[in-house]
Amino acid sequence: MDTSARLLRLLSLLQARRGWTGAGLAERLGVTTRTIRHDIDRLRSLGYPVDARPGVAGGYRLGTGSALPPLLLDDEEAVAVALGLRAAATGTVAGYEETSVRALMKLQQLLPSHLRRRVSAVQSATVPLPSPGPRVDPDALTHIAYACRDHERLRFDYRSHDGTASRRDAEPYRLLLDARRWYLLAWDVDRADWRTFRADRIAALHTPNGPRFTPRPVPPPRTAARGIQEATWRYRARVIVHAPAEHVRARLPIAAEIETLGDDRCAFEPGSDSPEALALWLGFLGADFEVADAPELRAAMAALAARYTRAATADRPSPPRPADSTNPRRHGR
């Protein structure tokens, strides 16, 4: 491998991971640690701020400089960045639409023709729909992302869906984007449980460099998705279904914990914004069910059942009589 190719490969490794030991880089590139030191000096002369940490636990990491040096992207990364800028231009992060368009124009000018065709194909077939959804402050989003990356605790003010304000102390892990809304998946220290927070409801971030924490095993994506859905629920109820758990699970629009009570009975706790909406949704289960300790839901089901009964048993209106062609008024006489 010649020097230029090796420098590009070294830069790619430094960009892919936060820190490397000299021995680790030398092993990946098939050279000596002395060669790595010389290559690091060459990268610095080109404007790349590579920090070196001495000692047994030391190594190299790509730091922050006073100017942005050229980025090294492979084909797939370049396409991903172009598509990401195109999505950002539609406006999920406040104030970044115009900036995203300018950055996309610069990137497209540098893309090889075969990559430009790939990006253009996706863009030409994609029509963004207008969305009245909430917009997130970009500085807050960046702050949260750094805390996730560096495993630093966050303290912030949070407003729940019902308007309740609270102070949260959390270990941040992931930023999730679902239906044009940003969410933070975090371990709530005071509640000792996983929580999903709407990023647009996070305000007044405290301790920008909070204490570090030891990462925990992150819940699987199904659990995170369920947390996002349940975060907006205002009403919950326990429902016992006279059907196997597999039958209910196949008809649920989101992942849910289902308790098996026997071969043909199971229980779960669905939720919705109102008892009326939940009563309507439970009708799609395609099985008999019971409601435990939820008088509001029982009342909503009774009202819905009465409405459907009236609609099903009402007399049909008489069909309109055909027009009489002999009626003189019809012919203007």
C-alpha atoms as a PDB file:
ATOM      1  CA  MET A   1       0.000   0.000   0.000  1.00  0.00           C
ATOM      2  CA  ASP A   2       1.547   3.354  -1.039  1.00  0.00           C
ATOM      3  CA  THR A   3       1.718   6.338   1.283  1.00  0.00           C
ATOM      4  CA  SER A   4      -1.289   8.216  -0.158  1.00  0.00           C
ATOM      5  CA  ALA A   5      -3.557   5.172  -0.005  1.00  0.00           C
ATOM      6  CA  ARG A   6      -2.373   4.418   3.521  1.00  0.00           C
ATOM      7  CA  LEU A   7      -3.105   7.979   4.663  1.00  0.00           C
ATOM      8  CA  LEU A   8      -6.627   7.752   3.277  1.00  0.00           C
ATOM      9  CA  ARG A   9      -7.156   4.426   5.024  1.00  0.00           C
ATOM     10  CA  LEU A  10      -5.754   5.832   8.286  1.00  0.00           C
ATOM     11  CA  LEU A  11      -8.078   8.837   8.062  1.00  0.00           C
ATOM     12  CA  SER A  12     -11.033   6.556   7.415  1.00  0.00           C
ATOM     13  CA  LEU A  13     -10.227   4.536  10.555  1.00  0.00           C
ATOM     14  CA  LEU A  14      -9.903   7.668  12.695  1.00  0.00           C
ATOM     15  CA  GLN A  15     -13.250   8.947  11.435  1.00  0.00           C
ATOM     16  CA  ALA A  16     -14.995   5.619  12.066  1.00  0.00           C
ATOM     17  CA  ARG A  17     -14.145   5.291  15.765  1.00  0.00           C
ATOM     18  CA  ARG A  18     -13.579   7.722  18.601  1.00  0.00           C
ATOM     19  CA  GLY A  19     -10.186   6.385  19.699  1.00  0.00           C
ATOM     20  CA  TRP A  20      -7.436   4.038  18.490  1.00  0.00           C
ATOM     21  CA  THR A  21      -4.230   2.788  20.040  1.00  0.00           C
ATOM     22  CA  GLY A  22      -1.086   3.075  17.965  1.00  0.00           C
ATOM     23  CA  ALA A  23      -0.714  -0.702  17.991  1.00  0.00           C
ATOM     24  CA  GLY A  24      -4.311  -1.140  16.835  1.00  0.00           C
ATOM     25  CA  LEU A  25      -3.817   1.194  13.882  1.00  0.00           C
ATOM     26  CA  ALA A  26      -0.518  -0.438  12.982  1.00  0.00           C
ATOM     27  CA  GLU A  27      -2.150  -3.878  12.982  1.00  0.00           C
ATOM     28  CA  ARG A  28      -5.048  -2.734  10.787  1.00  0.00           C
ATOM     29  CA  LEU A  29      -2.718  -1.095   8.255  1.00  0.00           C
ATOM     30  CA  GLY A  30       0.058  -3.697   8.378  1.00  0.00           C
ATOM     31  CA  VAL A  31       2.795  -1.248   9.340  1.00  0.00           C
ATOM     32  CA  THR A  32       4.879  -0.381  12.402  1.00  0.00           C
ATOM     33  CA  THR A  33       3.862   2.035  15.150  1.00  0.00           C
ATOM     34  CA  ARG A  34       6.706   4.304  14.002  1.00  0.00           C
ATOM     35  CA  THR A  35       5.088   4.548  10.560  1.00  0.00           C
ATOM     36  CA  ILE A  36       1.782   5.380  12.244  1.00  0.00           C
ATOM     37  CA  ARG A  37       3.449   8.272  14.093  1.00  0.00           C
ATOM     38  CA  HIS A  38       4.856   9.628  10.820  1.00  0.00           C
ATOM     39  CA  ASP A  39       1.465   9.294   9.092  1.00  0.00           C
ATOM     40  CA  ILE A  40      -0.238  11.107  11.965  1.00  0.00           C
ATOM     41  CA  ASP A  41       2.192  13.986  11.516  1.00  0.00           C
ATOM     42  CA  ARG A  42       1.343  14.092   7.786  1.00  0.00           C
ATOM     43  CA  LEU A  43      -2.383  14.254   8.549  1.00  0.00           C
ATOM     44  CA  ARG A  44      -1.773  17.131  10.954  1.00  0.00           C
ATOM     45  CA  SER A  45       0.143  19.010   8.283  1.00  0.00           C
ATOM     46  CA  LEU A  46      -2.920  18.656   6.027  1.00  0.00           C
ATOM     47  CA  GLY A  47      -5.167  20.268   8.649  1.00  0.00           C
ATOM     48  CA  TYR A  48      -6.581  17.209  10.437  1.00  0.00           C
ATOM     49  CA  PRO A  49      -6.534  17.763  14.232  1.00  0.00           C
ATOM     50  CA  VAL A  50      -5.353  14.355  15.500  1.00  0.00           C
ATOM     51  CA  ASP A  51      -4.963  14.281  19.285  1.00  0.00           C
ATOM     52  CA  ALA A  52      -2.441  11.957  20.915  1.00  0.00           C
ATOM     53  CA  ARG A  53      -2.782  10.628  24.448  1.00  0.00           C
ATOM     54  CA  PRO A  54       0.308   9.164  26.146  1.00  0.00           C
ATOM     55  CA  GLY A  55       0.395   6.139  28.420  1.00  0.00           C
ATOM     56  CA  VAL A  56      -0.792   2.550  28.320  1.00  0.00           C
ATOM     57  CA  ALA A  57      -4.417   3.561  27.783  1.00  0.00           C
ATOM     58  CA  GLY A  58      -3.456   6.308  25.345  1.00  0.00           C
ATOM     59  CA  GLY A  59      -3.763   6.477  21.610  1.00  0.00           C
ATOM     60  CA  TYR A  60      -5.048   8.681  18.821  1.00  0.00           C
ATOM     61  CA  ARG A  61      -8.357  10.344  18.160  1.00  0.00           C
ATOM     62  CA  LEU A  62      -9.624  12.836  15.620  1.00  0.00           C
ATOM     63  CA  GLY A  63     -10.162  16.066  17.504  1.00  0.00           C
ATOM     64  CA  THR A  64     -11.815  19.385  16.815  1.00  0.00           C
ATOM     65  CA  GLY A  65      -9.877  22.012  14.904  1.00  0.00           C
ATOM     66  CA  SER A  66     -10.406  25.642  13.990  1.00  0.00           C
ATOM     67  CA  ALA A  67     -11.445  24.755  10.427  1.00  0.00           C
ATOM     68  CA  LEU A  68     -13.257  21.836   8.801  1.00  0.00           C
ATOM     69  CA  PRO A  69     -10.799  19.627   6.892  1.00  0.00           C
ATOM     70  CA  PRO A  70     -11.928  17.487   3.944  1.00  0.00           C
ATOM     71  CA  LEU A  71     -14.068  14.506   4.908  1.00  0.00           C
ATOM     72  CA  LEU A  72     -13.394  11.039   3.568  1.00  0.00           C
ATOM     73  CA  LEU A  73     -16.586   9.253   2.502  1.00  0.00           C
ATOM     74  CA  ASP A  74     -17.001   5.973   0.690  1.00  0.00           C
ATOM     75  CA  ASP A  75     -19.734   5.528  -1.941  1.00  0.00           C
ATOM     76  CA  GLU A  76     -22.431   4.329   0.438  1.00  0.00           C
ATOM     77  CA  GLU A  77     -21.667   7.050   2.990  1.00  0.00           C
ATOM     78  CA  ALA A  78     -21.807   9.762   0.307  1.00  0.00           C
ATOM     79  CA  VAL A  79     -25.218   8.571  -0.887  1.00  0.00           C
ATOM     80  CA  ALA A  80     -26.467   8.369   2.710  1.00  0.00           C
ATOM     81  CA  VAL A  81     -25.312  11.934   3.433  1.00  0.00           C
ATOM     82  CA  ALA A  82     -26.965  13.252   0.267  1.00  0.00           C
ATOM     83  CA  LEU A  83     -30.271  11.575   1.068  1.00  0.00           C
ATOM     84  CA  GLY A  84     -30.055  12.730   4.675  1.00  0.00           C
ATOM     85  CA  LEU A  85     -29.545  16.328   3.590  1.00  0.00           C
ATOM     86  CA  ARG A  86     -32.504  15.994   1.234  1.00  0.00           C
ATOM     87  CA  ALA A  87     -34.687  14.812   4.115  1.00  0.00           C
ATOM     88  CA  ALA A  88     -33.402  17.575   6.410  1.00  0.00           C
ATOM     89  CA  ALA A  89     -34.365  20.144   3.786  1.00  0.00           C
ATOM     90  CA  THR A  90     -38.028  19.238   4.347  1.00  0.00           C
ATOM     91  CA  GLY A  91     -37.815  20.645   7.859  1.00  0.00           C
ATOM     92  CA  THR A  92     -37.742  18.372  10.930  1.00  0.00           C
ATOM     93  CA  VAL A  93     -35.039  20.418  12.652  1.00  0.00           C
ATOM     94  CA  ALA A  94     -35.856  24.106  13.014  1.00  0.00           C
ATOM     95  CA  GLY A  95     -33.746  26.508  10.960  1.00  0.00           C
ATOM     96  CA  TYR A  96     -31.794  23.890   9.015  1.00  0.00           C
ATOM     97  CA  GLU A  97     -33.828  23.718   5.795  1.00  0.00           C
ATOM     98  CA  GLU A  98     -31.868  26.314   3.800  1.00  0.00           C
ATOM     99  CA  THR A  99     -28.534  25.148   5.218  1.00  0.00           C
ATOM    100  CA  SER A 100     -29.304  21.579   4.190  1.00  0.00           C
ATOM    101  CA  VAL A 101     -30.110  22.680   0.636  1.00  0.00           C
ATOM    102  CA  ARG A 102     -26.791  24.549   0.328  1.00  0.00           C
ATOM    103  CA  ALA A 103     -24.806  21.604   1.661  1.00  0.00           C
ATOM    104  CA  LEU A 104     -26.647  19.236  -0.688  1.00  0.00           C
ATOM    105  CA  MET A 105     -25.801  21.385  -3.706  1.00  0.00           C
ATOM    106  CA  LYS A 106     -22.098  21.368  -2.790  1.00  0.00           C
ATOM    107  CA  LEU A 107     -22.067  17.612  -2.287  1.00  0.00           C
ATOM    108  CA  GLN A 108     -23.864  16.881  -5.552  1.00  0.00           C
ATOM    109  CA  GLN A 109     -21.269  18.872  -7.471  1.00  0.00           C
ATOM    110  CA  LEU A 110     -18.554  16.528  -6.176  1.00  0.00           C
ATOM    111  CA  LEU A 111     -20.388  13.230  -6.560  1.00  0.00           C
ATOM    112  CA  PRO A 112     -19.234  10.944  -9.362  1.00  0.00           C
ATOM    113  CA  SER A 113     -21.822  10.464 -12.088  1.00  0.00           C
ATOM    114  CA  HIS A 114     -22.837   6.952 -10.980  1.00  0.00           C
ATOM    115  CA  LEU A 115     -23.504   8.154  -7.402  1.00  0.00           C
ATOM    116  CA  ARG A 116     -25.284  11.278  -8.646  1.00  0.00           C
ATOM    117  CA  ARG A 117     -27.649   9.061 -10.630  1.00  0.00           C
ATOM    118  CA  ARG A 118     -28.440   6.997  -7.529  1.00  0.00           C
ATOM    119  CA  VAL A 119     -29.248  10.066  -5.469  1.00  0.00           C
ATOM    120  CA  SER A 120     -31.267  11.645  -8.278  1.00  0.00           C
ATOM    121  CA  ALA A 121     -33.298   8.472  -8.754  1.00  0.00           C
ATOM    122  CA  VAL A 122     -34.388   8.446  -5.129  1.00  0.00           C
ATOM    123  CA  GLN A 123     -35.044  12.192  -5.053  1.00  0.00           C
ATOM    124  CA  SER A 124     -37.109  12.185  -8.242  1.00  0.00           C
ATOM    125  CA  ALA A 125     -39.326   9.397  -6.904  1.00  0.00           C
ATOM    126  CA  THR A 126     -39.770  10.969  -3.462  1.00  0.00           C
ATOM    127  CA  VAL A 127     -42.434  13.572  -2.751  1.00  0.00           C
ATOM    128  CA  PRO A 128     -42.242  15.040   0.785  1.00  0.00           C
ATOM    129  CA  LEU A 129     -45.629  15.636   2.358  1.00  0.00           C
ATOM    130  CA  PRO A 130     -46.267  18.766   4.417  1.00  0.00           C
ATOM    131  CA  SER A 131     -46.346  18.014   8.119  1.00  0.00           C
ATOM    132  CA  PRO A 132     -47.626  20.145  10.991  1.00  0.00           C
ATOM    133  CA  GLY A 133     -45.492  18.150  13.408  1.00  0.00           C
ATOM    134  CA  PRO A 134     -43.247  19.718  16.065  1.00  0.00           C
ATOM    135  CA  ARG A 135     -39.796  21.014  15.212  1.00  0.00           C
ATOM    136  CA  VAL A 136     -36.724  20.461  17.353  1.00  0.00           C
ATOM    137  CA  ASP A 137     -34.107  23.039  18.268  1.00  0.00           C
ATOM    138  CA  PRO A 138     -30.907  21.923  16.471  1.00  0.00           C
ATOM    139  CA  ASP A 139     -28.611  22.966  19.327  1.00  0.00           C
ATOM    140  CA  ALA A 140     -30.589  20.858  21.790  1.00  0.00           C
ATOM    141  CA  LEU A 141     -30.560  17.894  19.415  1.00  0.00           C
ATOM    142  CA  THR A 142     -26.792  18.160  18.947  1.00  0.00           C
ATOM    143  CA  HIS A 143     -26.263  18.466  22.709  1.00  0.00           C
ATOM    144  CA  ILE A 144     -28.290  15.307  23.319  1.00  0.00           C
ATOM    145  CA  ALA A 145     -26.409  13.444  20.573  1.00  0.00           C
ATOM    146  CA  TYR A 146     -23.054  14.310  22.146  1.00  0.00           C
ATOM    147  CA  ALA A 147     -24.270  13.117  25.548  1.00  0.00           C
ATOM    148  CA  CYS A 148     -25.395   9.806  23.987  1.00  0.00           C
ATOM    149  CA  ARG A 149     -22.043   9.344  22.287  1.00  0.00           C
ATOM    150  CA  ASP A 150     -19.922  10.231  25.335  1.00  0.00           C
ATOM    151  CA  HIS A 151     -22.134   8.443  27.919  1.00  0.00           C
ATOM    152  CA  GLU A 152     -22.756  11.626  29.929  1.00  0.00           C
ATOM    153  CA  ARG A 153     -25.787  12.051  32.145  1.00  0.00           C
ATOM    154  CA  LEU A 154     -28.339  14.730  31.298  1.00  0.00           C
ATOM    155  CA  ARG A 155     -30.552  16.782  33.572  1.00  0.00           C
ATOM    156  CA  PHE A 156     -33.355  18.609  31.836  1.00  0.00           C
ATOM    157  CA  ASP A 157     -36.836  20.062  32.243  1.00  0.00           C
ATOM    158  CA  TYR A 158     -39.529  18.010  30.537  1.00  0.00           C
ATOM    159  CA  ARG A 159     -43.157  18.681  29.654  1.00  0.00           C
ATOM    160  CA  SER A 160     -45.330  15.572  29.276  1.00  0.00           C
ATOM    161  CA  HIS A 161     -48.245  15.218  26.839  1.00  0.00           C
ATOM    162  CA  ASP A 162     -50.725  16.444  29.470  1.00  0.00           C
ATOM    163  CA  GLY A 163     -48.655  19.569  30.184  1.00  0.00           C
ATOM    164  CA  THR A 164     -47.092  18.367  33.445  1.00  0.00           C
ATOM    165  CA  ALA A 165     -43.605  19.817  33.977  1.00  0.00           C
ATOM    166  CA  SER A 166     -40.846  17.883  35.749  1.00  0.00           C
ATOM    167  CA  ARG A 167     -37.067  17.787  36.180  1.00  0.00           C
ATOM    168  CA  ARG A 168     -35.449  14.598  34.827  1.00  0.00           C
ATOM    169  CA  ASP A 169     -32.064  13.030  35.522  1.00  0.00           C
ATOM    170  CA  ALA A 170     -31.316  10.514  32.772  1.00  0.00           C
ATOM    171  CA  GLU A 171     -28.627   8.440  31.108  1.00  0.00           C
ATOM    172  CA  PRO A 172     -29.092   9.105  27.350  1.00  0.00           C
ATOM    173  CA  TYR A 173     -28.569   6.242  24.871  1.00  0.00           C
ATOM    174  CA  ARG A 174     -30.272   6.763  21.509  1.00  0.00           C
ATOM    175  CA  LEU A 175     -31.968   9.426  19.415  1.00  0.00           C
ATOM    176  CA  LEU A 176     -34.916   7.932  17.521  1.00  0.00           C
ATOM    177  CA  LEU A 177     -36.772   9.435  14.575  1.00  0.00           C
ATOM    178  CA  ASP A 178     -40.324   8.208  14.041  1.00  0.00           C
ATOM    179  CA  ALA A 179     -43.049   9.849  11.955  1.00  0.00           C
ATOM    180  CA  ARG A 180     -41.048  13.107  11.744  1.00  0.00           C
ATOM    181  CA  ARG A 181     -40.684  13.292  15.516  1.00  0.00           C
ATOM    182  CA  TRP A 182     -37.439  12.985  17.470  1.00  0.00           C
ATOM    183  CA  TYR A 183     -37.332  10.904  20.657  1.00  0.00           C
ATOM    184  CA  LEU A 184     -34.666  10.269  23.277  1.00  0.00           C
ATOM    185  CA  LEU A 185     -34.335   6.748  24.638  1.00  0.00           C
ATOM    186  CA  ALA A 186     -32.822   7.038  28.117  1.00  0.00           C
ATOM    187  CA  TRP A 187     -32.570   5.399  31.519  1.00  0.00           C
ATOM    188  CA  ASP A 188     -34.492   7.553  34.012  1.00  0.00           C
ATOM    189  CA  VAL A 189     -32.287   7.580  37.124  1.00  0.00           C
ATOM    190  CA  ASP A 190     -34.997   8.648  39.606  1.00  0.00           C
ATOM    191  CA  ARG A 191     -37.568   6.144  38.292  1.00  0.00           C
ATOM    192  CA  ALA A 192     -34.999   3.365  37.717  1.00  0.00           C
ATOM    193  CA  ASP A 193     -36.546   2.422  34.380  1.00  0.00           C
ATOM    194  CA  TRP A 194     -36.279   3.057  30.639  1.00  0.00           C
ATOM    195  CA  ARG A 195     -38.185   6.074  29.339  1.00  0.00           C
ATOM    196  CA  THR A 196     -38.804   7.591  25.910  1.00  0.00           C
ATOM    197  CA  PHE A 197     -38.858  11.415  25.811  1.00  0.00           C
ATOM    198  CA  ARG A 198     -40.128  13.638  22.994  1.00  0.00           C
ATOM    199  CA  ALA A 199     -37.139  15.790  22.032  1.00  0.00           C
ATOM    200  CA  ASP A 200     -39.302  18.840  21.288  1.00  0.00           C
ATOM    201  CA  ARG A 201     -40.580  18.718  24.892  1.00  0.00           C
ATOM    202  CA  ILE A 202     -37.093  18.752  26.389  1.00  0.00           C
ATOM    203  CA  ALA A 203     -36.091  22.217  27.595  1.00  0.00           C
ATOM    204  CA  ALA A 204     -33.456  23.893  29.751  1.00  0.00           C
ATOM    205  CA  LEU A 205     -30.732  21.280  29.435  1.00  0.00           C
ATOM    206  CA  HIS A 206     -28.484  21.310  32.481  1.00  0.00           C
ATOM    207  CA  THR A 207     -24.937  20.066  33.148  1.00  0.00           C
ATOM    208  CA  PRO A 208     -23.609  20.210  29.568  1.00  0.00           C
ATOM    209  CA  ASN A 209     -20.745  17.956  30.680  1.00  0.00           C
ATOM    210  CA  GLY A 210     -22.480  15.759  33.205  1.00  0.00           C
ATOM    211  CA  PRO A 211     -20.860  12.829  35.002  1.00  0.00           C
ATOM    212  CA  ARG A 212     -20.131   9.798  32.859  1.00  0.00           C
ATOM    213  CA  PHE A 213     -22.042   6.562  33.344  1.00  0.00           C
ATOM    214  CA  THR A 214     -21.391   2.918  32.566  1.00  0.00           C
ATOM    215  CA  PRO A 215     -23.618   1.906  29.630  1.00  0.00           C
ATOM    216  CA  ARG A 216     -26.410  -0.596  30.270  1.00  0.00           C
ATOM    217  CA  PRO A 217     -27.725  -3.164  27.765  1.00  0.00           C
ATOM    218  CA  VAL A 218     -30.025  -1.187  25.461  1.00  0.00           C
ATOM    219  CA  PRO A 219     -33.608  -2.502  25.005  1.00  0.00           C
ATOM    220  CA  PRO A 220     -34.373  -4.096  21.628  1.00  0.00           C
ATOM    221  CA  PRO A 221     -35.935  -1.939  18.895  1.00  0.00           C
ATOM    222  CA  ARG A 222     -39.414  -3.435  19.530  1.00  0.00           C
ATOM    223  CA  THR A 223     -39.328  -2.139  23.114  1.00  0.00           C
ATOM    224  CA  ALA A 224     -38.214   1.311  22.000  1.00  0.00           C
ATOM    225  CA  ALA A 225     -40.954   1.414  19.352  1.00  0.00           C
ATOM    226  CA  ARG A 226     -43.551   0.480  21.951  1.00  0.00           C
ATOM    227  CA  GLY A 227     -42.288   3.250  24.217  1.00  0.00           C
ATOM    228  CA  ILE A 228     -42.746   5.789  21.427  1.00  0.00           C
ATOM    229  CA  GLN A 229     -46.326   4.660  20.816  1.00  0.00           C
ATOM    230  CA  GLU A 230     -47.238   4.526  24.498  1.00  0.00           C
ATOM    231  CA  ALA A 231     -45.746   7.939  25.193  1.00  0.00           C
ATOM    232  CA  THR A 232     -48.834   9.617  23.700  1.00  0.00           C
ATOM    233  CA  TRP A 233     -51.460   7.388  25.360  1.00  0.00           C
ATOM    234  CA  ARG A 234     -53.783   9.167  27.769  1.00  0.00           C
ATOM    235  CA  TYR A 235     -55.865   6.122  28.677  1.00  0.00           C
ATOM    236  CA  ARG A 236     -55.034   2.474  29.386  1.00  0.00           C
ATOM    237  CA  ALA A 237     -57.058  -0.624  30.326  1.00  0.00           C
ATOM    238  CA  ARG A 238     -56.492  -4.300  31.024  1.00  0.00           C
ATOM    239  CA  VAL A 239     -58.247  -6.533  28.493  1.00  0.00           C
ATOM    240  CA  ILE A 240     -58.673 -10.329  28.654  1.00  0.00           C
ATOM    241  CA  VAL A 241     -59.129 -11.843  25.196  1.00  0.00           C
ATOM    242  CA  HIS A 242     -60.711 -15.238  24.526  1.00  0.00           C
ATOM    243  CA  ALA A 243     -58.109 -16.184  21.947  1.00  0.00           C
ATOM    244  CA  PRO A 244     -54.491 -17.374  21.891  1.00  0.00           C
ATOM    245  CA  ALA A 245     -51.747 -14.806  22.353  1.00  0.00           C
ATOM    246  CA  GLU A 246     -50.532 -15.437  18.787  1.00  0.00           C
ATOM    247  CA  HIS A 247     -53.939 -14.392  17.436  1.00  0.00           C
ATOM    248  CA  VAL A 248     -53.863 -11.095  19.348  1.00  0.00           C
ATOM    249  CA  ARG A 249     -50.215 -10.378  18.558  1.00  0.00           C
ATOM    250  CA  ALA A 250     -50.874 -10.784  14.827  1.00  0.00           C
ATOM    251  CA  ARG A 251     -53.626  -8.144  14.952  1.00  0.00           C
ATOM    252  CA  LEU A 252     -51.802  -5.519  17.021  1.00  0.00           C
ATOM    253  CA  PRO A 253     -50.433  -2.510  15.128  1.00  0.00           C
ATOM    254  CA  ILE A 254     -47.484  -2.215  17.545  1.00  0.00           C
ATOM    255  CA  ALA A 255     -45.473  -4.561  19.745  1.00  0.00           C
ATOM    256  CA  ALA A 256     -47.055  -5.291  23.133  1.00  0.00           C
ATOM    257  CA  GLU A 257     -46.496  -7.512  26.139  1.00  0.00           C
ATOM    258  CA  ILE A 258     -49.155 -10.223  26.095  1.00  0.00           C
ATOM    259  CA  GLU A 259     -49.740 -12.468  29.101  1.00  0.00           C
ATOM    260  CA  THR A 260     -50.804 -16.017  28.263  1.00  0.00           C
ATOM    261  CA  LEU A 261     -53.612 -17.224  30.552  1.00  0.00           C
ATOM    262  CA  GLY A 262     -54.211 -20.562  28.831  1.00  0.00           C
ATOM    263  CA  ASP A 263     -54.502 -22.174  25.449  1.00  0.00           C
ATOM    264  CA  ASP A 264     -57.340 -19.882  24.392  1.00  0.00           C
ATOM    265  CA  ARG A 265     -57.058 -16.862  26.724  1.00  0.00           C
ATOM    266  CA  CYS A 266     -54.557 -14.041  27.102  1.00  0.00           C
ATOM    267  CA  ALA A 267     -54.385 -10.554  28.574  1.00  0.00           C
ATOM    268  CA  PHE A 268     -52.705  -7.279  27.640  1.00  0.00           C
ATOM    269  CA  GLU A 269     -52.964  -3.547  28.373  1.00  0.00           C
ATOM    270  CA  PRO A 270     -53.756  -1.470  25.275  1.00  0.00           C
ATOM    271  CA  GLY A 271     -54.000   2.285  25.349  1.00  0.00           C
ATOM    272  CA  SER A 272     -55.406   5.217  23.429  1.00  0.00           C
ATOM    273  CA  ASP A 273     -56.176   8.909  23.737  1.00  0.00           C
ATOM    274  CA  SER A 274     -59.747   8.199  24.906  1.00  0.00           C
ATOM    275  CA  PRO A 275     -61.985   5.300  26.009  1.00  0.00           C
ATOM    276  CA  GLU A 276     -64.087   5.818  22.855  1.00  0.00           C
ATOM    277  CA  ALA A 277     -61.121   5.334  20.538  1.00  0.00           C
ATOM    278  CA  LEU A 278     -59.990   2.254  22.473  1.00  0.00           C
ATOM    279  CA  ALA A 279     -63.500   0.758  22.362  1.00  0.00           C
ATOM    280  CA  LEU A 280     -63.566   1.174  18.600  1.00  0.00           C
ATOM    281  CA  TRP A 281     -60.091  -0.324  18.174  1.00  0.00           C
ATOM    282  CA  LEU A 282     -60.837  -3.416  20.303  1.00  0.00           C
ATOM    283  CA  GLY A 283     -63.532  -4.394  17.827  1.00  0.00           C
ATOM    284  CA  PHE A 284     -60.781  -5.231  15.319  1.00  0.00           C
ATOM    285  CA  LEU A 285     -59.402  -8.041  17.511  1.00  0.00           C
ATOM    286  CA  GLY A 286     -61.834 -10.506  15.931  1.00  0.00           C
ATOM    287  CA  ALA A 287     -62.427 -12.306  19.243  1.00  0.00           C
ATOM    288  CA  ASP A 288     -64.532 -12.037  22.397  1.00  0.00           C
ATOM    289  CA  PHE A 289     -62.929 -10.146  25.258  1.00  0.00           C
ATOM    290  CA  GLU A 290     -63.512  -8.876  28.795  1.00  0.00           C
ATOM    291  CA  VAL A 291     -62.557  -5.527  30.306  1.00  0.00           C
ATOM    292  CA  ALA A 292     -61.124  -5.539  33.835  1.00  0.00           C
ATOM    293  CA  ASP A 293     -61.699  -2.563  36.147  1.00  0.00           C
ATOM    294  CA  ALA A 294     -62.257   0.090  33.490  1.00  0.00           C
ATOM    295  CA  PRO A 295     -65.729   1.628  33.884  1.00  0.00           C
ATOM    296  CA  GLU A 296     -65.002   4.388  31.338  1.00  0.00           C
ATOM    297  CA  LEU A 297     -64.176   1.819  28.669  1.00  0.00           C
ATOM    298  CA  ARG A 298     -67.276  -0.244  29.522  1.00  0.00           C
ATOM    299  CA  ALA A 299     -69.455   2.846  29.143  1.00  0.00           C
ATOM    300  CA  ALA A 300     -67.827   3.712  25.809  1.00  0.00           C
ATOM    301  CA  MET A 301     -68.392   0.159  24.519  1.00  0.00           C
ATOM    302  CA  ALA A 302     -72.034   0.236  25.612  1.00  0.00           C
ATOM    303  CA  ALA A 303     -72.605   3.517  23.780  1.00  0.00           C
ATOM    304  CA  LEU A 304     -70.861   2.202  20.675  1.00  0.00           C
ATOM    305  CA  ALA A 305     -72.833  -1.066  20.774  1.00  0.00           C
ATOM    306  CA  ALA A 306     -76.133   0.833  21.085  1.00  0.00           C
ATOM    307  CA  ARG A 307     -75.204   3.066  18.151  1.00  0.00           C
ATOM    308  CA  TYR A 308     -74.311   0.077  15.965  1.00  0.00           C
ATOM    309  CA  THR A 309     -77.487  -1.742  16.998  1.00  0.00           C
ATOM    310  CA  ARG A 310     -79.635   1.210  16.010  1.00  0.00           C
ATOM    311  CA  ALA A 311     -77.874   1.412  12.666  1.00  0.00           C
ATOM    312  CA  ALA A 312     -78.266  -2.322  12.019  1.00  0.00           C
ATOM    313  CA  THR A 313     -81.950  -2.550  12.990  1.00  0.00           C
ATOM    314  CA  ALA A 314     -83.287   0.728  11.617  1.00  0.00           C
ATOM    315  CA  ASP A 315     -85.870   0.409   8.847  1.00  0.00           C
ATOM    316  CA  ARG A 316     -84.465   0.992   5.425  1.00  0.00           C
ATOM    317  CA  PRO A 317     -85.681   4.224   3.835  1.00  0.00           C
ATOM    318  CA  SER A 318     -87.997   3.728   0.901  1.00  0.00           C
ATOM    319  CA  PRO A 319     -86.200   3.956  -2.435  1.00  0.00           C
ATOM    320  CA  PRO A 320     -87.099   7.065  -4.452  1.00  0.00           C
ATOM    321  CA  ARG A 321     -89.947   6.592  -6.895  1.00  0.00           C
ATOM    322  CA  PRO A 322     -88.986   6.719 -10.589  1.00  0.00           C
ATOM    323  CA  ALA A 323     -89.867   9.921 -12.371  1.00  0.00           C
ATOM    324  CA  ASP A 324     -93.239   9.881 -14.164  1.00  0.00           C
ATOM    325  CA  SER A 325     -92.657  10.674 -17.832  1.00  0.00           C
ATOM    326  CA  THR A 326     -96.324  11.664 -18.191  1.00  0.00           C
ATOM    327  CA  ASN A 327     -96.076  14.377 -15.566  1.00  0.00           C
ATOM    328  CA  PRO A 328     -96.712  17.613 -17.463  1.00  0.00           C
ATOM    329  CA  ARG A 329     -94.559  19.600 -15.019  1.00  0.00           C
ATOM    330  CA  ARG A 330     -91.534  17.485 -15.959  1.00  0.00           C
ATOM    331  CA  HIS A 331     -91.848  18.645 -19.560  1.00  0.00           C
ATOM    332  CA  GLY A 332     -92.499  22.264 -18.680  1.00  0.00           C
ATOM    333  CA  ARG A 333     -96.175  22.183 -19.556  1.00  0.00           C
END
